[in-house]
């Protein structure tokens, strides 16, 4: 989610994650939701957890930058390993 100030454009930060959660909660159940990440260039760990959770809830991540996709997959892999131990 891009903000209006140029210093945070293209970032998903803690405040953005909270806002996105609230917006997604308002959506009608049963609809296919898509988050377009085309302009996202910087995320933090909380955003990665949020995006991974979105996918687990069948929300499609469209135009996801490669480094974000790889980070999500690494986090998912660690979570799976912990569950099997």
PDB file of N, CA and C in Angstrom:
ATOM      1  N   UNK A   1       0.854  -1.161   0.000  1.00  0.00           N
ATOM      2  CA  UNK A   1       0.000   0.000   0.000  1.00  0.00           C
ATOM      3  C   UNK A   1       0.898   1.221   0.000  1.00  0.00           C
ATOM      4  N   UNK A   2       0.804   2.009  -0.990  1.00  0.00           N
ATOM      5  CA  UNK A   2       1.630   3.209  -1.098  1.00  0.00           C
ATOM      6  C   UNK A   2       0.981   4.341  -0.329  1.00  0.00           C
ATOM      7  N   UNK A   3       1.805   5.110   0.327  1.00  0.00           N
ATOM      8  CA  UNK A   3       1.319   6.276   1.058  1.00  0.00           C
ATOM      9  C   UNK A   3       1.592   7.509   0.232  1.00  0.00           C
ATOM     10  N   UNK A   4       1.043   8.618   0.673  1.00  0.00           N
ATOM     11  CA  UNK A   4       1.189   9.842  -0.107  1.00  0.00           C
ATOM     12  C   UNK A   4       2.573  10.465   0.003  1.00  0.00           C
ATOM     13  N   UNK A   5       3.278  10.253   1.103  1.00  0.00           N
ATOM     14  CA  UNK A   5       4.603  10.852   1.214  1.00  0.00           C
ATOM     15  C   UNK A   5       5.603  10.032   0.419  1.00  0.00           C
ATOM     16  N   UNK A   6       6.502  10.713  -0.264  1.00  0.00           N
ATOM     17  CA  UNK A   6       7.434  10.025  -1.138  1.00  0.00           C
ATOM     18  C   UNK A   6       8.407   9.146  -0.374  1.00  0.00           C
ATOM     19  N   UNK A   7       8.643   9.427   0.907  1.00  0.00           N
ATOM     20  CA  UNK A   7       9.603   8.642   1.667  1.00  0.00           C
ATOM     21  C   UNK A   7       9.095   7.238   1.979  1.00  0.00           C
ATOM     22  N   UNK A   8       7.777   7.007   1.937  1.00  0.00           N
ATOM     23  CA  UNK A   8       7.268   5.682   2.259  1.00  0.00           C
ATOM     24  C   UNK A   8       6.494   5.050   1.100  1.00  0.00           C
ATOM     25  N   UNK A   9       6.523   5.656  -0.055  1.00  0.00           N
ATOM     26  CA  UNK A   9       5.823   5.092  -1.205  1.00  0.00           C
ATOM     27  C   UNK A   9       6.401   3.729  -1.531  1.00  0.00           C
ATOM     28  N   UNK A  10       5.535   2.779  -1.808  1.00  0.00           N
ATOM     29  CA  UNK A  10       5.975   1.438  -2.180  1.00  0.00           C
ATOM     30  C   UNK A  10       6.275   0.538  -1.010  1.00  0.00           C
ATOM     31  N   UNK A  11       5.996   0.979   0.195  1.00  0.00           N
ATOM     32  CA  UNK A  11       6.284   0.193   1.391  1.00  0.00           C
ATOM     33  C   UNK A  11       5.013  -0.376   1.996  1.00  0.00           C
ATOM     34  N   UNK A  12       5.151  -1.525   2.613  1.00  0.00           N
ATOM     35  CA  UNK A  12       4.090  -2.055   3.468  1.00  0.00           C
ATOM     36  C   UNK A  12       4.704  -2.141   4.857  1.00  0.00           C
ATOM     37  N   UNK A  13       4.190  -1.307   5.757  1.00  0.00           N
ATOM     38  CA  UNK A  13       4.700  -1.237   7.119  1.00  0.00           C
ATOM     39  C   UNK A  13       3.590  -1.625   8.087  1.00  0.00           C
ATOM     40  N   UNK A  14       3.899  -1.632   9.374  1.00  0.00           N
ATOM     41  CA  UNK A  14       2.954  -2.085  10.396  1.00  0.00           C
ATOM     42  C   UNK A  14       1.594  -1.397  10.297  1.00  0.00           C
ATOM     43  N   UNK A  15       1.585  -0.095  10.114  1.00  0.00           N
ATOM     44  CA  UNK A  15       0.331   0.653  10.012  1.00  0.00           C
ATOM     45  C   UNK A  15      -0.467   0.204   8.783  1.00  0.00           C
ATOM     46  N   UNK A  16       0.248  -0.084   7.690  1.00  0.00           N
ATOM     47  CA  UNK A  16      -0.415  -0.537   6.463  1.00  0.00           C
ATOM     48  C   UNK A  16      -1.025  -1.915   6.646  1.00  0.00           C
ATOM     49  N   UNK A  17      -0.304  -2.798   7.344  1.00  0.00           N
ATOM     50  CA  UNK A  17      -0.818  -4.151   7.596  1.00  0.00           C
ATOM     51  C   UNK A  17      -2.131  -4.055   8.368  1.00  0.00           C
ATOM     52  N   UNK A  18      -2.160  -3.207   9.391  1.00  0.00           N
ATOM     53  CA  UNK A  18      -3.382  -3.025  10.177  1.00  0.00           C
ATOM     54  C   UNK A  18      -4.526  -2.549   9.287  1.00  0.00           C
ATOM     55  N   UNK A  19      -4.251  -1.553   8.451  1.00  0.00           N
ATOM     56  CA  UNK A  19      -5.284  -1.017   7.559  1.00  0.00           C
ATOM     57  C   UNK A  19      -5.754  -2.069   6.554  1.00  0.00           C
ATOM     58  N   UNK A  20      -4.831  -2.824   5.998  1.00  0.00           N
ATOM     59  CA  UNK A  20      -5.203  -3.873   5.045  1.00  0.00           C
ATOM     60  C   UNK A  20      -6.062  -4.943   5.707  1.00  0.00           C
ATOM     61  N   UNK A  21      -5.707  -5.347   6.920  1.00  0.00           N
ATOM     62  CA  UNK A  21      -6.526  -6.335   7.658  1.00  0.00           C
ATOM     63  C   UNK A  21      -7.961  -5.827   7.809  1.00  0.00           C
ATOM     64  N   UNK A  22      -8.096  -4.557   8.184  1.00  0.00           N
ATOM     65  CA  UNK A  22      -9.430  -3.970   8.369  1.00  0.00           C
ATOM     66  C   UNK A  22     -10.206  -3.945   7.059  1.00  0.00           C
ATOM     67  N   UNK A  23      -9.550  -3.573   5.982  1.00  0.00           N
ATOM     68  CA  UNK A  23     -10.219  -3.527   4.678  1.00  0.00           C
ATOM     69  C   UNK A  23     -10.636  -4.920   4.215  1.00  0.00           C
ATOM     70  N   UNK A  24      -9.749  -5.900   4.383  1.00  0.00           N
ATOM     71  CA  UNK A  24     -10.074  -7.261   3.957  1.00  0.00           C
ATOM     72  C   UNK A  24     -11.213  -7.844   4.781  1.00  0.00           C
ATOM     73  N   UNK A  25     -11.300  -7.462   6.049  1.00  0.00           N
ATOM     74  CA  UNK A  25     -12.384  -7.946   6.908  1.00  0.00           C
ATOM     75  C   UNK A  25     -13.740  -7.444   6.433  1.00  0.00           C
ATOM     76  N   UNK A  26     -13.762  -6.339   5.698  1.00  0.00           N
ATOM     77  CA  UNK A  26     -15.018  -5.776   5.200  1.00  0.00           C
ATOM     78  C   UNK A  26     -15.512  -6.454   3.922  1.00  0.00           C
ATOM     79  N   UNK A  27     -14.643  -7.223   3.269  1.00  0.00           N
ATOM     80  CA  UNK A  27     -15.005  -7.847   2.000  1.00  0.00           C
ATOM     81  C   UNK A  27     -15.993  -8.985   2.213  1.00  0.00           C
ATOM     82  N   UNK A  28     -16.812  -9.228   1.225  1.00  0.00           N
ATOM     83  CA  UNK A  28     -17.826 -10.269   1.273  1.00  0.00           C
ATOM     84  C   UNK A  28     -17.177 -11.645   1.180  1.00  0.00           C
ATOM     85  N   UNK A  29     -17.580 -12.530   2.056  1.00  0.00           N
ATOM     86  CA  UNK A  29     -17.065 -13.902   2.035  1.00  0.00           C
ATOM     87  C   UNK A  29     -17.442 -14.567   0.716  1.00  0.00           C
ATOM     88  N   UNK A  30     -16.568 -15.427   0.241  1.00  0.00           N
ATOM     89  CA  UNK A  30     -16.835 -16.157  -0.987  1.00  0.00           C
ATOM     90  C   UNK A  30     -16.313 -15.479  -2.239  1.00  0.00           C
ATOM     91  N   UNK A  31     -15.872 -14.243  -2.130  1.00  0.00           N
ATOM     92  CA  UNK A  31     -15.306 -13.552  -3.288  1.00  0.00           C
ATOM     93  C   UNK A  31     -13.821 -13.866  -3.387  1.00  0.00           C
ATOM     94  N   UNK A  32     -13.314 -13.967  -4.607  1.00  0.00           N
ATOM     95  CA  UNK A  32     -11.876 -14.128  -4.816  1.00  0.00           C
ATOM     96  C   UNK A  32     -11.219 -12.765  -4.666  1.00  0.00           C
ATOM     97  N   UNK A  33     -10.380 -12.624  -3.662  1.00  0.00           N
ATOM     98  CA  UNK A  33      -9.701 -11.355  -3.429  1.00  0.00           C
ATOM     99  C   UNK A  33      -8.297 -11.412  -4.004  1.00  0.00           C
ATOM    100  N   UNK A  34      -7.829 -10.268  -4.498  1.00  0.00           N
ATOM    101  CA  UNK A  34      -6.507 -10.158  -5.099  1.00  0.00           C
ATOM    102  C   UNK A  34      -5.830  -8.918  -4.536  1.00  0.00           C
ATOM    103  N   UNK A  35      -4.582  -9.076  -4.077  1.00  0.00           N
ATOM    104  CA  UNK A  35      -3.766  -7.931  -3.683  1.00  0.00           C
ATOM    105  C   UNK A  35      -2.725  -7.726  -4.772  1.00  0.00           C
ATOM    106  N   UNK A  36      -2.755  -6.579  -5.406  1.00  0.00           N
ATOM    107  CA  UNK A  36      -1.790  -6.260  -6.453  1.00  0.00           C
ATOM    108  C   UNK A  36      -0.589  -5.580  -5.810  1.00  0.00           C
ATOM    109  N   UNK A  37       0.557  -6.237  -5.858  1.00  0.00           N
ATOM    110  CA  UNK A  37       1.769  -5.749  -5.200  1.00  0.00           C
ATOM    111  C   UNK A  37       2.740  -5.094  -6.182  1.00  0.00           C
ATOM    112  N   UNK A  38       2.245  -4.705  -7.340  1.00  0.00           N
ATOM    113  CA  UNK A  38       3.091  -4.148  -8.402  1.00  0.00           C
ATOM    114  C   UNK A  38       4.005  -3.020  -7.914  1.00  0.00           C
ATOM    115  N   UNK A  39       3.506  -2.109  -7.108  1.00  0.00           N
ATOM    116  CA  UNK A  39       4.293  -0.949  -6.689  1.00  0.00           C
ATOM    117  C   UNK A  39       4.999  -1.140  -5.356  1.00  0.00           C
ATOM    118  N   UNK A  40       4.911  -2.325  -4.776  1.00  0.00           N
ATOM    119  CA  UNK A  40       5.539  -2.573  -3.476  1.00  0.00           C
ATOM    120  C   UNK A  40       7.022  -2.874  -3.686  1.00  0.00           C
ATOM    121  N   UNK A  41       7.855  -2.118  -2.979  1.00  0.00           N
ATOM    122  CA  UNK A  41       9.301  -2.315  -3.098  1.00  0.00           C
ATOM    123  C   UNK A  41       9.963  -2.651  -1.770  1.00  0.00           C
ATOM    124  N   UNK A  42       9.278  -2.397  -0.651  1.00  0.00           N
ATOM    125  CA  UNK A  42       9.892  -2.619   0.652  1.00  0.00           C
ATOM    126  C   UNK A  42       8.839  -3.109   1.633  1.00  0.00           C
ATOM    127  N   UNK A  43       9.154  -4.193   2.335  1.00  0.00           N
ATOM    128  CA  UNK A  43       8.259  -4.749   3.345  1.00  0.00           C
ATOM    129  C   UNK A  43       9.081  -5.099   4.581  1.00  0.00           C
ATOM    130  N   UNK A  44       8.379  -5.320   5.703  1.00  0.00           N
ATOM    131  CA  UNK A  44       9.046  -5.795   6.901  1.00  0.00           C
ATOM    132  C   UNK A  44       8.530  -7.195   7.245  1.00  0.00           C
ATOM    133  N   UNK A  45       9.043  -7.760   8.327  1.00  0.00           N
ATOM    134  CA  UNK A  45       8.672  -9.125   8.719  1.00  0.00           C
ATOM    135  C   UNK A  45       7.173  -9.265   8.949  1.00  0.00           C
ATOM    136  N   UNK A  46       6.554  -8.272   9.580  1.00  0.00           N
ATOM    137  CA  UNK A  46       5.110  -8.334   9.816  1.00  0.00           C
ATOM    138  C   UNK A  46       4.332  -8.374   8.502  1.00  0.00           C
ATOM    139  N   UNK A  47       4.791  -7.611   7.521  1.00  0.00           N
ATOM    140  CA  UNK A  47       4.125  -7.617   6.215  1.00  0.00           C
ATOM    141  C   UNK A  47       4.254  -8.986   5.555  1.00  0.00           C
ATOM    142  N   UNK A  48       5.421  -9.616   5.698  1.00  0.00           N
ATOM    143  CA  UNK A  48       5.617 -10.952   5.122  1.00  0.00           C
ATOM    144  C   UNK A  48       4.677 -11.954   5.773  1.00  0.00           C
ATOM    145  N   UNK A  49       4.562 -11.898   7.084  1.00  0.00           N
ATOM    146  CA  UNK A  49       3.623 -12.799   7.781  1.00  0.00           C
ATOM    147  C   UNK A  49       2.193 -12.541   7.319  1.00  0.00           C
ATOM    148  N   UNK A  50       1.839 -11.267   7.186  1.00  0.00           N
ATOM    149  CA  UNK A  50       0.503 -10.901   6.723  1.00  0.00           C
ATOM    150  C   UNK A  50       0.246 -11.439   5.319  1.00  0.00           C
ATOM    151  N   UNK A  51       1.188 -11.226   4.404  1.00  0.00           N
ATOM    152  CA  UNK A  51       1.009 -11.673   3.017  1.00  0.00           C
ATOM    153  C   UNK A  51       0.938 -13.192   2.936  1.00  0.00           C
ATOM    154  N   UNK A  52       1.765 -13.876   3.724  1.00  0.00           N
ATOM    155  CA  UNK A  52       1.685 -15.338   3.766  1.00  0.00           C
ATOM    156  C   UNK A  52       0.333 -15.802   4.279  1.00  0.00           C
ATOM    157  N   UNK A  53      -0.192 -15.096   5.278  1.00  0.00           N
ATOM    158  CA  UNK A  53      -1.518 -15.420   5.800  1.00  0.00           C
ATOM    159  C   UNK A  53      -2.609 -15.160   4.781  1.00  0.00           C
ATOM    160  N   UNK A  54      -2.433 -14.108   3.988  1.00  0.00           N
ATOM    161  CA  UNK A  54      -3.401 -13.827   2.919  1.00  0.00           C
ATOM    162  C   UNK A  54      -3.468 -15.008   1.961  1.00  0.00           C
ATOM    163  N   UNK A  55      -2.309 -15.497   1.546  1.00  0.00           N
ATOM    164  CA  UNK A  55      -2.295 -16.648   0.637  1.00  0.00           C
ATOM    165  C   UNK A  55      -2.937 -17.872   1.283  1.00  0.00           C
ATOM    166  N   UNK A  56      -2.662 -18.079   2.563  1.00  0.00           N
ATOM    167  CA  UNK A  56      -3.271 -19.212   3.269  1.00  0.00           C
ATOM    168  C   UNK A  56      -4.790 -19.083   3.293  1.00  0.00           C
ATOM    169  N   UNK A  57      -5.288 -17.847   3.244  1.00  0.00           N
ATOM    170  CA  UNK A  57      -6.731 -17.584   3.213  1.00  0.00           C
ATOM    171  C   UNK A  57      -7.268 -17.460   1.791  1.00  0.00           C
ATOM    172  N   UNK A  58      -6.487 -17.925   0.810  1.00  0.00           N
ATOM    173  CA  UNK A  58      -6.872 -17.948  -0.604  1.00  0.00           C
ATOM    174  C   UNK A  58      -6.976 -16.569  -1.235  1.00  0.00           C
ATOM    175  N   UNK A  59      -6.234 -15.609  -0.715  1.00  0.00           N
ATOM    176  CA  UNK A  59      -6.148 -14.292  -1.335  1.00  0.00           C
ATOM    177  C   UNK A  59      -4.951 -14.332  -2.280  1.00  0.00           C
ATOM    178  N   UNK A  60      -5.176 -13.989  -3.530  1.00  0.00           N
ATOM    179  CA  UNK A  60      -4.123 -14.051  -4.535  1.00  0.00           C
ATOM    180  C   UNK A  60      -3.206 -12.836  -4.427  1.00  0.00           C
ATOM    181  N   UNK A  61      -1.896 -13.081  -4.463  1.00  0.00           N
ATOM    182  CA  UNK A  61      -0.914 -12.005  -4.495  1.00  0.00           C
ATOM    183  C   UNK A  61      -0.467 -11.846  -5.936  1.00  0.00           C
ATOM    184  N   UNK A  62      -0.887 -10.771  -6.552  1.00  0.00           N
ATOM    185  CA  UNK A  62      -0.593 -10.523  -7.962  1.00  0.00           C
ATOM    186  C   UNK A  62       0.596  -9.566  -8.074  1.00  0.00           C
ATOM    187  N   UNK A  63       1.427  -9.773  -9.097  1.00  0.00           N
ATOM    188  CA  UNK A  63       2.603  -8.924  -9.344  1.00  0.00           C
ATOM    189  C   UNK A  63       3.513  -8.839  -8.120  1.00  0.00           C
ATOM    190  N   UNK A  64       3.674  -9.958  -7.454  1.00  0.00           N
ATOM    191  CA  UNK A  64       4.487 -10.022  -6.241  1.00  0.00           C
ATOM    192  C   UNK A  64       5.968 -10.000  -6.619  1.00  0.00           C
ATOM    193  N   UNK A  65       6.736  -9.031  -6.096  1.00  0.00           N
ATOM    194  CA  UNK A  65       8.170  -9.003  -6.394  1.00  0.00           C
ATOM    195  C   UNK A  65       8.857 -10.300  -5.961  1.00  0.00           C
ATOM    196  N   UNK A  66       9.861 -10.695  -6.700  1.00  0.00           N
ATOM    197  CA  UNK A  66      10.538 -11.975  -6.462  1.00  0.00           C
ATOM    198  C   UNK A  66      11.071 -12.077  -5.039  1.00  0.00           C
ATOM    199  N   UNK A  67      11.704 -11.016  -4.542  1.00  0.00           N
ATOM    200  CA  UNK A  67      12.291 -11.129  -3.206  1.00  0.00           C
ATOM    201  C   UNK A  67      11.211 -11.303  -2.135  1.00  0.00           C
ATOM    202  N   UNK A  68      10.040 -10.710  -2.335  1.00  0.00           N
ATOM    203  CA  UNK A  68       8.943 -10.886  -1.384  1.00  0.00           C
ATOM    204  C   UNK A  68       8.419 -12.314  -1.465  1.00  0.00           C
ATOM    205  N   UNK A  69       8.255 -12.835  -2.679  1.00  0.00           N
ATOM    206  CA  UNK A  69       7.802 -14.216  -2.868  1.00  0.00           C
ATOM    207  C   UNK A  69       8.767 -15.193  -2.190  1.00  0.00           C
ATOM    208  N   UNK A  70      10.069 -14.988  -2.378  1.00  0.00           N
ATOM    209  CA  UNK A  70      11.061 -15.879  -1.772  1.00  0.00           C
ATOM    210  C   UNK A  70      11.030 -15.797  -0.254  1.00  0.00           C
ATOM    211  N   UNK A  71      10.854 -14.603   0.280  1.00  0.00           N
ATOM    212  CA  UNK A  71      10.798 -14.412   1.727  1.00  0.00           C
ATOM    213  C   UNK A  71       9.563 -15.110   2.308  1.00  0.00           C
ATOM    214  N   UNK A  72       8.425 -14.971   1.654  1.00  0.00           N
ATOM    215  CA  UNK A  72       7.198 -15.654   2.093  1.00  0.00           C
ATOM    216  C   UNK A  72       7.432 -17.156   2.118  1.00  0.00           C
ATOM    217  N   UNK A  73       8.046 -17.684   1.057  1.00  0.00           N
ATOM    218  CA  UNK A  73       8.291 -19.124   0.981  1.00  0.00           C
ATOM    219  C   UNK A  73       9.241 -19.595   2.082  1.00  0.00           C
ATOM    220  N   UNK A  74      10.275 -18.795   2.388  1.00  0.00           N
ATOM    221  CA  UNK A  74      11.200 -19.165   3.473  1.00  0.00           C
ATOM    222  C   UNK A  74      10.470 -19.215   4.811  1.00  0.00           C
ATOM    223  N   UNK A  75       9.624 -18.233   5.074  1.00  0.00           N
ATOM    224  CA  UNK A  75       8.863 -18.205   6.323  1.00  0.00           C
ATOM    225  C   UNK A  75       7.914 -19.393   6.389  1.00  0.00           C
ATOM    226  N   UNK A  76       7.246 -19.698   5.285  1.00  0.00           N
ATOM    227  CA  UNK A  76       6.352 -20.857   5.249  1.00  0.00           C
ATOM    228  C   UNK A  76       7.121 -22.135   5.525  1.00  0.00           C
ATOM    229  N   UNK A  77       8.306 -22.257   4.948  1.00  0.00           N
ATOM    230  CA  UNK A  77       9.129 -23.446   5.156  1.00  0.00           C
ATOM    231  C   UNK A  77       9.520 -23.619   6.608  1.00  0.00           C
ATOM    232  N   UNK A  78       9.882 -22.530   7.274  1.00  0.00           N
ATOM    233  CA  UNK A  78      10.242 -22.594   8.698  1.00  0.00           C
ATOM    234  C   UNK A  78       9.035 -22.981   9.532  1.00  0.00           C
ATOM    235  N   UNK A  79       7.878 -22.446   9.187  1.00  0.00           N
ATOM    236  CA  UNK A  79       6.656 -22.759   9.931  1.00  0.00           C
ATOM    237  C   UNK A  79       6.311 -24.235   9.784  1.00  0.00           C
ATOM    238  N   UNK A  80       6.424 -24.770   8.570  1.00  0.00           N
ATOM    239  CA  UNK A  80       6.138 -26.194   8.346  1.00  0.00           C
ATOM    240  C   UNK A  80       7.087 -27.065   9.140  1.00  0.00           C
ATOM    241  N   UNK A  81       8.373 -26.708   9.157  1.00  0.00           N
ATOM    242  CA  UNK A  81       9.359 -27.519   9.894  1.00  0.00           C
ATOM    243  C   UNK A  81       9.053 -27.524  11.380  1.00  0.00           C
ATOM    244  N   UNK A  82       8.651 -26.389  11.931  1.00  0.00           N
ATOM    245  CA  UNK A  82       8.323 -26.328  13.364  1.00  0.00           C
ATOM    246  C   UNK A  82       7.134 -27.209  13.679  1.00  0.00           C
ATOM    247  N   UNK A  83       6.154 -27.268  12.793  1.00  0.00           N
ATOM    248  CA  UNK A  83       4.949 -28.072  13.054  1.00  0.00           C
ATOM    249  C   UNK A  83       5.267 -29.556  13.024  1.00  0.00           C
ATOM    250  N   UNK A  84       6.276 -29.974  12.266  1.00  0.00           N
ATOM    251  CA  UNK A  84       6.573 -31.406  12.173  1.00  0.00           C
ATOM    252  C   UNK A  84       7.513 -31.874  13.262  1.00  0.00           C
ATOM    253  N   UNK A  85       8.124 -30.953  13.992  1.00  0.00           N
ATOM    254  CA  UNK A  85       9.048 -31.357  15.064  1.00  0.00           C
ATOM    255  C   UNK A  85       8.350 -31.770  16.323  1.00  0.00           C
TER     256      UNK A  85
END
